Amino acid sequence: MAGRPKITGQTGASRGARPIPLEDVELIERVRNGETEAYGTLVRKYQDRVFNACWRISGHLEDARDLTQEAFLKALENLPKFRHESGFYTWIFRVAVNLALTHRRSFKRRRTISLDAVAGSAGTQAEGLARRLETEAAEEAPDQGVGEAELRGQVVRALNRLEDDYRAVIVLRDIEGFDYSEIAGILDVPTGTVKSRLHRARAALGDAVRPLLKEPR
């Protein structure tokens, strides 16, 4: 194994440097030693988050399922090359996001399924971003506001209309919580490009929901 990863007992996304869970390192080593069932544990651990990101980026519910499966299969095939330079969580997202972006660019003319069409399946993902936009607007104009569900739906629709590159950084930063350097690694672009795209993406979303926020209750 090249180098020593930053290993902790923690799991899940964080806004700062993402620790590499000891459990993931052990599971990967078990898979490498022939215990293929250990890979199922990794899949179950991260498949929902990977699926949600694929859905948000691709815009197709059924395609997102196929992309998620393809991402985990591709990661398994390339597991011997994995060197723990990042956590498995970051690595599987790199695989999945690039598959989803390639897929979206190849099938842009296809009719997309509305991302808020299936109630409860993943409909709360944009809530954090919606709440932040609502809070910022309320601070500027405390007597104006909009219903949370209506705002969330508008954010989701606006997200679906973003250009691919902007859409990806919003999903990775504001929904999945990756930091700038992680996003740069996932998308293979400079950190400055990530910040620029994120700024423009947030501005575009803000423009999309601002008329709704200005409506009287």
C-alpha atoms as a PDB file:
ATOM      1  CA  MET A   1       0.000   0.000   0.000  1.00  0.00           C
ATOM      2  CA  ALA A   2       1.477   3.359  -1.041  1.00  0.00           C
ATOM      3  CA  GLY A   3       1.537   5.830   1.822  1.00  0.00           C
ATOM      4  CA  ARG A   4      -0.600   5.815   4.914  1.00  0.00           C
ATOM      5  CA  PRO A   5      -4.152   7.155   4.660  1.00  0.00           C
ATOM      6  CA  LYS A   6      -5.596   9.475   7.278  1.00  0.00           C
ATOM      7  CA  ILE A   7      -7.646   6.887   9.117  1.00  0.00           C
ATOM      8  CA  THR A   8     -10.192   7.524  11.815  1.00  0.00           C
ATOM      9  CA  GLY A   9     -13.201   5.735  13.167  1.00  0.00           C
ATOM     10  CA  GLN A  10     -15.506   8.334  11.660  1.00  0.00           C
ATOM     11  CA  THR A  11     -17.776   7.921   8.665  1.00  0.00           C
ATOM     12  CA  GLY A  12     -19.958  10.127   6.475  1.00  0.00           C
ATOM     13  CA  ALA A  13     -19.604  13.497   4.768  1.00  0.00           C
ATOM     14  CA  SER A  14     -18.006  16.528   6.344  1.00  0.00           C
ATOM     15  CA  ARG A  15     -17.438  20.111   5.279  1.00  0.00           C
ATOM     16  CA  GLY A  16     -13.746  20.041   6.072  1.00  0.00           C
ATOM     17  CA  ALA A  17     -11.111  17.418   5.314  1.00  0.00           C
ATOM     18  CA  ARG A  18     -12.883  14.107   4.982  1.00  0.00           C
ATOM     19  CA  PRO A  19     -11.401  11.391   7.230  1.00  0.00           C
ATOM     20  CA  ILE A  20     -10.860   7.933   5.796  1.00  0.00           C
ATOM     21  CA  PRO A  21     -12.843   5.472   7.929  1.00  0.00           C
ATOM     22  CA  LEU A  22     -10.837   2.535   9.241  1.00  0.00           C
ATOM     23  CA  GLU A  23     -13.787   0.281   8.398  1.00  0.00           C
ATOM     24  CA  ASP A  24     -13.491   1.141   4.693  1.00  0.00           C
ATOM     25  CA  VAL A  25      -9.748   0.421   4.614  1.00  0.00           C
ATOM     26  CA  GLU A  26     -10.330  -2.959   6.245  1.00  0.00           C
ATOM     27  CA  LEU A  27     -13.179  -3.824   3.882  1.00  0.00           C
ATOM     28  CA  ILE A  28     -11.071  -2.972   0.831  1.00  0.00           C
ATOM     29  CA  GLU A  29      -8.229  -5.129   2.058  1.00  0.00           C
ATOM     30  CA  ARG A  30     -10.651  -8.003   2.647  1.00  0.00           C
ATOM     31  CA  VAL A  31     -11.938  -7.690  -0.919  1.00  0.00           C
ATOM     32  CA  ARG A  32      -8.370  -7.714  -2.220  1.00  0.00           C
ATOM     33  CA  ASN A  33      -7.774 -10.881  -0.231  1.00  0.00           C
ATOM     34  CA  GLY A  34     -10.653 -12.619  -1.968  1.00  0.00           C
ATOM     35  CA  GLU A  35     -13.541 -11.861   0.395  1.00  0.00           C
ATOM     36  CA  THR A  36     -15.809 -10.461  -2.294  1.00  0.00           C
ATOM     37  CA  GLU A  37     -18.782 -10.321   0.088  1.00  0.00           C
ATOM     38  CA  ALA A  38     -16.997  -7.469   1.884  1.00  0.00           C
ATOM     39  CA  TYR A  39     -17.575  -5.326  -1.189  1.00  0.00           C
ATOM     40  CA  GLY A  40     -21.299  -5.711  -0.637  1.00  0.00           C
ATOM     41  CA  THR A  41     -20.869  -3.915   2.679  1.00  0.00           C
ATOM     42  CA  LEU A  42     -19.233  -0.973   0.913  1.00  0.00           C
ATOM     43  CA  VAL A  43     -22.002  -0.927  -1.683  1.00  0.00           C
ATOM     44  CA  ARG A  44     -24.749  -0.916   0.944  1.00  0.00           C
ATOM     45  CA  LYS A  45     -22.948   1.801   2.872  1.00  0.00           C
ATOM     46  CA  TYR A  46     -22.688   4.278   0.003  1.00  0.00           C
ATOM     47  CA  GLN A  47     -25.147   3.256  -2.706  1.00  0.00           C
ATOM     48  CA  ASP A  48     -27.952   5.618  -1.652  1.00  0.00           C
ATOM     49  CA  ARG A  49     -25.701   8.694  -1.704  1.00  0.00           C
ATOM     50  CA  VAL A  50     -24.136   7.668  -5.002  1.00  0.00           C
ATOM     51  CA  PHE A  51     -27.569   7.014  -6.505  1.00  0.00           C
ATOM     52  CA  ASN A  52     -28.861  10.399  -5.361  1.00  0.00           C
ATOM     53  CA  ALA A  53     -25.873  12.195  -6.893  1.00  0.00           C
ATOM     54  CA  CYS A  54     -26.275  10.278 -10.160  1.00  0.00           C
ATOM     55  CA  TRP A  55     -29.956  11.192 -10.194  1.00  0.00           C
ATOM     56  CA  ARG A  56     -29.320  14.869  -9.544  1.00  0.00           C
ATOM     57  CA  ILE A  57     -26.667  15.040 -12.252  1.00  0.00           C
ATOM     58  CA  SER A  58     -28.171  12.780 -14.920  1.00  0.00           C
ATOM     59  CA  GLY A  59     -31.770  13.944 -14.451  1.00  0.00           C
ATOM     60  CA  HIS A  60     -33.101  10.424 -15.156  1.00  0.00           C
ATOM     61  CA  LEU A  61     -34.380   8.198 -12.379  1.00  0.00           C
ATOM     62  CA  GLU A  62     -33.956   4.866 -14.144  1.00  0.00           C
ATOM     63  CA  ASP A  63     -30.632   5.873 -15.658  1.00  0.00           C
ATOM     64  CA  ALA A  64     -29.379   6.830 -12.202  1.00  0.00           C
ATOM     65  CA  ARG A  65     -29.957   3.260 -11.032  1.00  0.00           C
ATOM     66  CA  ASP A  66     -27.967   1.902 -13.972  1.00  0.00           C
ATOM     67  CA  LEU A  67     -25.213   4.471 -13.452  1.00  0.00           C
ATOM     68  CA  THR A  68     -24.953   3.586  -9.769  1.00  0.00           C
ATOM     69  CA  GLN A  69     -24.582  -0.097 -10.560  1.00  0.00           C
ATOM     70  CA  GLU A  70     -22.049   0.657 -13.287  1.00  0.00           C
ATOM     71  CA  ALA A  71     -20.033   2.885 -10.947  1.00  0.00           C
ATOM     72  CA  PHE A  72     -19.716   0.204  -8.265  1.00  0.00           C
ATOM     73  CA  LEU A  73     -18.836  -2.456 -10.837  1.00  0.00           C
ATOM     74  CA  LYS A  74     -16.197  -0.220 -12.375  1.00  0.00           C
ATOM     75  CA  ALA A  75     -14.799   0.605  -8.940  1.00  0.00           C
ATOM     76  CA  LEU A  76     -14.614  -3.097  -8.112  1.00  0.00           C
ATOM     77  CA  GLU A  77     -12.737  -3.830 -11.327  1.00  0.00           C
ATOM     78  CA  ASN A  78     -10.238  -1.089 -10.520  1.00  0.00           C
ATOM     79  CA  LEU A  79      -9.946  -1.792  -6.794  1.00  0.00           C
ATOM     80  CA  PRO A  80      -6.436  -3.310  -7.191  1.00  0.00           C
ATOM     81  CA  LYS A  81      -5.281   0.146  -8.360  1.00  0.00           C
ATOM     82  CA  PHE A  82      -6.811   1.970  -5.393  1.00  0.00           C
ATOM     83  CA  ARG A  83      -4.062   3.419  -3.181  1.00  0.00           C
ATOM     84  CA  HIS A  84      -6.059   5.129  -0.406  1.00  0.00           C
ATOM     85  CA  GLU A  85      -4.894   8.563  -1.585  1.00  0.00           C
ATOM     86  CA  SER A  86      -8.498   9.514  -0.898  1.00  0.00           C
ATOM     87  CA  GLY A  87     -11.258   7.669   0.905  1.00  0.00           C
ATOM     88  CA  PHE A  88     -13.340   5.086  -0.922  1.00  0.00           C
ATOM     89  CA  TYR A  89     -16.310   7.461  -0.549  1.00  0.00           C
ATOM     90  CA  THR A  90     -14.524  10.168  -2.540  1.00  0.00           C
ATOM     91  CA  TRP A  91     -13.206   7.662  -5.041  1.00  0.00           C
ATOM     92  CA  ILE A  92     -16.574   6.065  -5.804  1.00  0.00           C
ATOM     93  CA  PHE A  93     -18.030   9.543  -6.268  1.00  0.00           C
ATOM     94  CA  ARG A  94     -15.283  10.352  -8.768  1.00  0.00           C
ATOM     95  CA  VAL A  95     -16.257   7.269 -10.763  1.00  0.00           C
ATOM     96  CA  ALA A  96     -20.016   7.868 -10.491  1.00  0.00           C
ATOM     97  CA  VAL A  97     -20.042  11.602 -11.183  1.00  0.00           C
ATOM     98  CA  ASN A  98     -17.922  11.250 -14.294  1.00  0.00           C
ATOM     99  CA  LEU A  99     -20.153   8.440 -15.555  1.00  0.00           C
ATOM    100  CA  ALA A 100     -23.236  10.570 -14.898  1.00  0.00           C
ATOM    101  CA  LEU A 101     -21.774  13.631 -16.639  1.00  0.00           C
ATOM    102  CA  THR A 102     -20.735  11.587 -19.663  1.00  0.00           C
ATOM    103  CA  HIS A 103     -24.170  10.005 -19.795  1.00  0.00           C
ATOM    104  CA  ARG A 104     -25.972  13.344 -19.508  1.00  0.00           C
ATOM    105  CA  ARG A 105     -23.885  14.909 -22.260  1.00  0.00           C
ATOM    106  CA  SER A 106     -24.594  11.940 -24.524  1.00  0.00           C
ATOM    107  CA  PHE A 107     -28.357  11.988 -24.024  1.00  0.00           C
ATOM    108  CA  LYS A 108     -29.176  15.652 -23.509  1.00  0.00           C
ATOM    109  CA  ARG A 109     -32.063  15.554 -25.945  1.00  0.00           C
ATOM    110  CA  ARG A 110     -33.880  12.820 -24.073  1.00  0.00           C
ATOM    111  CA  ARG A 111     -36.957  13.758 -22.064  1.00  0.00           C
ATOM    112  CA  THR A 112     -35.940  13.998 -18.395  1.00  0.00           C
ATOM    113  CA  ILE A 113     -37.991  12.793 -15.466  1.00  0.00           C
ATOM    114  CA  SER A 114     -38.784  15.644 -13.101  1.00  0.00           C
ATOM    115  CA  LEU A 115     -36.519  15.369 -10.093  1.00  0.00           C
ATOM    116  CA  ASP A 116     -39.358  16.227  -7.737  1.00  0.00           C
ATOM    117  CA  ALA A 117     -41.870  13.893  -9.403  1.00  0.00           C
ATOM    118  CA  VAL A 118     -41.456  10.986  -6.999  1.00  0.00           C
ATOM    119  CA  ALA A 119     -42.546  12.091  -3.547  1.00  0.00           C
ATOM    120  CA  GLY A 120     -40.346  10.932  -0.717  1.00  0.00           C
ATOM    121  CA  SER A 121     -37.771   9.025  -2.769  1.00  0.00           C
ATOM    122  CA  ALA A 122     -35.040  11.634  -2.420  1.00  0.00           C
ATOM    123  CA  GLY A 123     -37.010  14.826  -2.220  1.00  0.00           C
ATOM    124  CA  THR A 124     -35.307  16.326   0.800  1.00  0.00           C
ATOM    125  CA  GLN A 125     -31.851  16.605  -0.765  1.00  0.00           C
ATOM    126  CA  ALA A 126     -32.257  20.229  -1.798  1.00  0.00           C
ATOM    127  CA  GLU A 127     -33.750  21.304   1.522  1.00  0.00           C
ATOM    128  CA  GLY A 128     -30.494  22.624   2.949  1.00  0.00           C
ATOM    129  CA  LEU A 129     -29.846  24.787  -0.077  1.00  0.00           C
ATOM    130  CA  ALA A 130     -33.452  25.954  -0.168  1.00  0.00           C
ATOM    131  CA  ARG A 131     -33.402  26.867   3.510  1.00  0.00           C
ATOM    132  CA  ARG A 132     -30.176  28.819   3.072  1.00  0.00           C
ATOM    133  CA  LEU A 133     -31.592  30.791   0.138  1.00  0.00           C
ATOM    134  CA  GLU A 134     -34.738  31.443   2.128  1.00  0.00           C
ATOM    135  CA  THR A 135     -32.760  32.559   5.195  1.00  0.00           C
ATOM    136  CA  GLU A 136     -30.589  34.914   3.170  1.00  0.00           C
ATOM    137  CA  ALA A 137     -33.659  36.432   1.559  1.00  0.00           C
ATOM    138  CA  ALA A 138     -35.411  36.770   4.921  1.00  0.00           C
ATOM    139  CA  GLU A 139     -32.411  38.637   6.353  1.00  0.00           C
ATOM    140  CA  GLU A 140     -32.630  41.109   3.476  1.00  0.00           C
ATOM    141  CA  ALA A 141     -36.420  41.415   3.657  1.00  0.00           C
ATOM    142  CA  PRO A 142     -37.824  39.925   6.893  1.00  0.00           C
ATOM    143  CA  ASP A 143     -41.459  40.556   5.955  1.00  0.00           C
ATOM    144  CA  GLN A 144     -41.253  38.520   2.755  1.00  0.00           C
ATOM    145  CA  GLY A 145     -41.137  34.763   2.420  1.00  0.00           C
ATOM    146  CA  VAL A 146     -42.436  31.660   0.760  1.00  0.00           C
ATOM    147  CA  GLY A 147     -43.566  28.214   1.798  1.00  0.00           C
ATOM    148  CA  GLU A 148     -40.733  25.759   2.322  1.00  0.00           C
ATOM    149  CA  ALA A 149     -42.173  23.077   0.056  1.00  0.00           C
ATOM    150  CA  GLU A 150     -42.774  25.545  -2.760  1.00  0.00           C
ATOM    151  CA  LEU A 151     -39.269  26.978  -2.416  1.00  0.00           C
ATOM    152  CA  ARG A 152     -37.693  23.521  -2.331  1.00  0.00           C
ATOM    153  CA  GLY A 153     -39.524  22.543  -5.485  1.00  0.00           C
ATOM    154  CA  GLN A 154     -38.358  25.701  -7.232  1.00  0.00           C
ATOM    155  CA  VAL A 155     -34.746  25.013  -6.207  1.00  0.00           C
ATOM    156  CA  VAL A 156     -34.973  21.469  -7.535  1.00  0.00           C
ATOM    157  CA  ARG A 157     -36.385  22.653 -10.860  1.00  0.00           C
ATOM    158  CA  ALA A 158     -33.717  25.340 -11.126  1.00  0.00           C
ATOM    159  CA  LEU A 159     -31.040  22.761 -10.383  1.00  0.00           C
ATOM    160  CA  ASN A 160     -32.363  20.592 -13.195  1.00  0.00           C
ATOM    161  CA  ARG A 161     -31.925  23.495 -15.644  1.00  0.00           C
ATOM    162  CA  LEU A 162     -28.315  24.282 -14.718  1.00  0.00           C
ATOM    163  CA  GLU A 163     -25.498  23.562 -17.162  1.00  0.00           C
ATOM    164  CA  ASP A 164     -23.806  20.225 -16.472  1.00  0.00           C
ATOM    165  CA  ASP A 165     -20.621  21.600 -14.912  1.00  0.00           C
ATOM    166  CA  TYR A 166     -22.537  23.942 -12.616  1.00  0.00           C
ATOM    167  CA  ARG A 167     -24.999  21.231 -11.705  1.00  0.00           C
ATOM    168  CA  ALA A 168     -22.179  18.909 -10.683  1.00  0.00           C
ATOM    169  CA  VAL A 169     -20.482  21.365  -8.318  1.00  0.00           C
ATOM    170  CA  ILE A 170     -23.777  22.243  -6.627  1.00  0.00           C
ATOM    171  CA  VAL A 171     -24.536  18.552  -6.055  1.00  0.00           C
ATOM    172  CA  LEU A 172     -21.043  17.812  -4.758  1.00  0.00           C
ATOM    173  CA  ARG A 173     -20.688  20.882  -2.533  1.00  0.00           C
ATOM    174  CA  ASP A 174     -24.134  21.917  -1.344  1.00  0.00           C
ATOM    175  CA  ILE A 175     -25.823  18.515  -1.276  1.00  0.00           C
ATOM    176  CA  GLU A 176     -23.000  16.034  -0.642  1.00  0.00           C
ATOM    177  CA  GLY A 177     -20.707  18.346   1.357  1.00  0.00           C
ATOM    178  CA  PHE A 178     -17.399  17.716  -0.408  1.00  0.00           C
ATOM    179  CA  ASP A 179     -14.738  20.404   0.087  1.00  0.00           C
ATOM    180  CA  TYR A 180     -13.190  22.324  -2.789  1.00  0.00           C
ATOM    181  CA  SER A 181     -10.086  20.162  -3.116  1.00  0.00           C
ATOM    182  CA  GLU A 182     -12.170  16.969  -3.150  1.00  0.00           C
ATOM    183  CA  ILE A 183     -14.449  18.372  -5.840  1.00  0.00           C
ATOM    184  CA  ALA A 184     -11.410  19.431  -7.860  1.00  0.00           C
ATOM    185  CA  GLY A 185     -10.124  15.859  -7.652  1.00  0.00           C
ATOM    186  CA  ILE A 186     -13.480  14.339  -8.580  1.00  0.00           C
ATOM    187  CA  LEU A 187     -13.959  16.615 -11.588  1.00  0.00           C
ATOM    188  CA  ASP A 188     -10.255  16.834 -12.488  1.00  0.00           C
ATOM    189  CA  VAL A 189     -10.238  20.639 -12.602  1.00  0.00           C
ATOM    190  CA  PRO A 190      -8.322  23.300 -10.596  1.00  0.00           C
ATOM    191  CA  THR A 191      -9.729  24.393  -7.249  1.00  0.00           C
ATOM    192  CA  GLY A 192     -10.187  27.900  -8.630  1.00  0.00           C
ATOM    193  CA  THR A 193     -12.422  26.507 -11.358  1.00  0.00           C
ATOM    194  CA  VAL A 194     -14.535  24.752  -8.743  1.00  0.00           C
ATOM    195  CA  LYS A 195     -15.005  27.990  -6.796  1.00  0.00           C
ATOM    196  CA  SER A 196     -15.850  29.928  -9.952  1.00  0.00           C
ATOM    197  CA  ARG A 197     -18.410  27.357 -11.106  1.00  0.00           C
ATOM    198  CA  LEU A 198     -19.952  27.166  -7.660  1.00  0.00           C
ATOM    199  CA  HIS A 199     -20.302  30.936  -7.459  1.00  0.00           C
ATOM    200  CA  ARG A 200     -22.009  31.062 -10.851  1.00  0.00           C
ATOM    201  CA  ALA A 201     -24.218  28.072 -10.066  1.00  0.00           C
ATOM    202  CA  ARG A 202     -25.413  29.568  -6.788  1.00  0.00           C
ATOM    203  CA  ALA A 203     -26.050  32.882  -8.513  1.00  0.00           C
ATOM    204  CA  ALA A 204     -28.124  31.127 -11.181  1.00  0.00           C
ATOM    205  CA  LEU A 205     -30.163  29.311  -8.536  1.00  0.00           C
ATOM    206  CA  GLY A 206     -30.624  32.546  -6.631  1.00  0.00           C
ATOM    207  CA  ASP A 207     -31.892  34.287  -9.757  1.00  0.00           C
ATOM    208  CA  ALA A 208     -34.312  31.426 -10.367  1.00  0.00           C
ATOM    209  CA  VAL A 209     -35.910  31.508  -6.913  1.00  0.00           C
ATOM    210  CA  ARG A 210     -35.672  35.264  -6.191  1.00  0.00           C
ATOM    211  CA  PRO A 211     -39.006  36.158  -7.857  1.00  0.00           C
ATOM    212  CA  LEU A 212     -40.709  33.505  -5.742  1.00  0.00           C
ATOM    213  CA  LEU A 213     -39.100  34.819  -2.557  1.00  0.00           C
ATOM    214  CA  LYS A 214     -40.376  38.315  -3.303  1.00  0.00           C
ATOM    215  CA  GLU A 215     -43.988  37.204  -3.544  1.00  0.00           C
ATOM    216  CA  PRO A 216     -46.087  38.260  -0.541  1.00  0.00           C
ATOM    217  CA  ARG A 217     -47.348  35.551   1.763  1.00  0.00           C
END
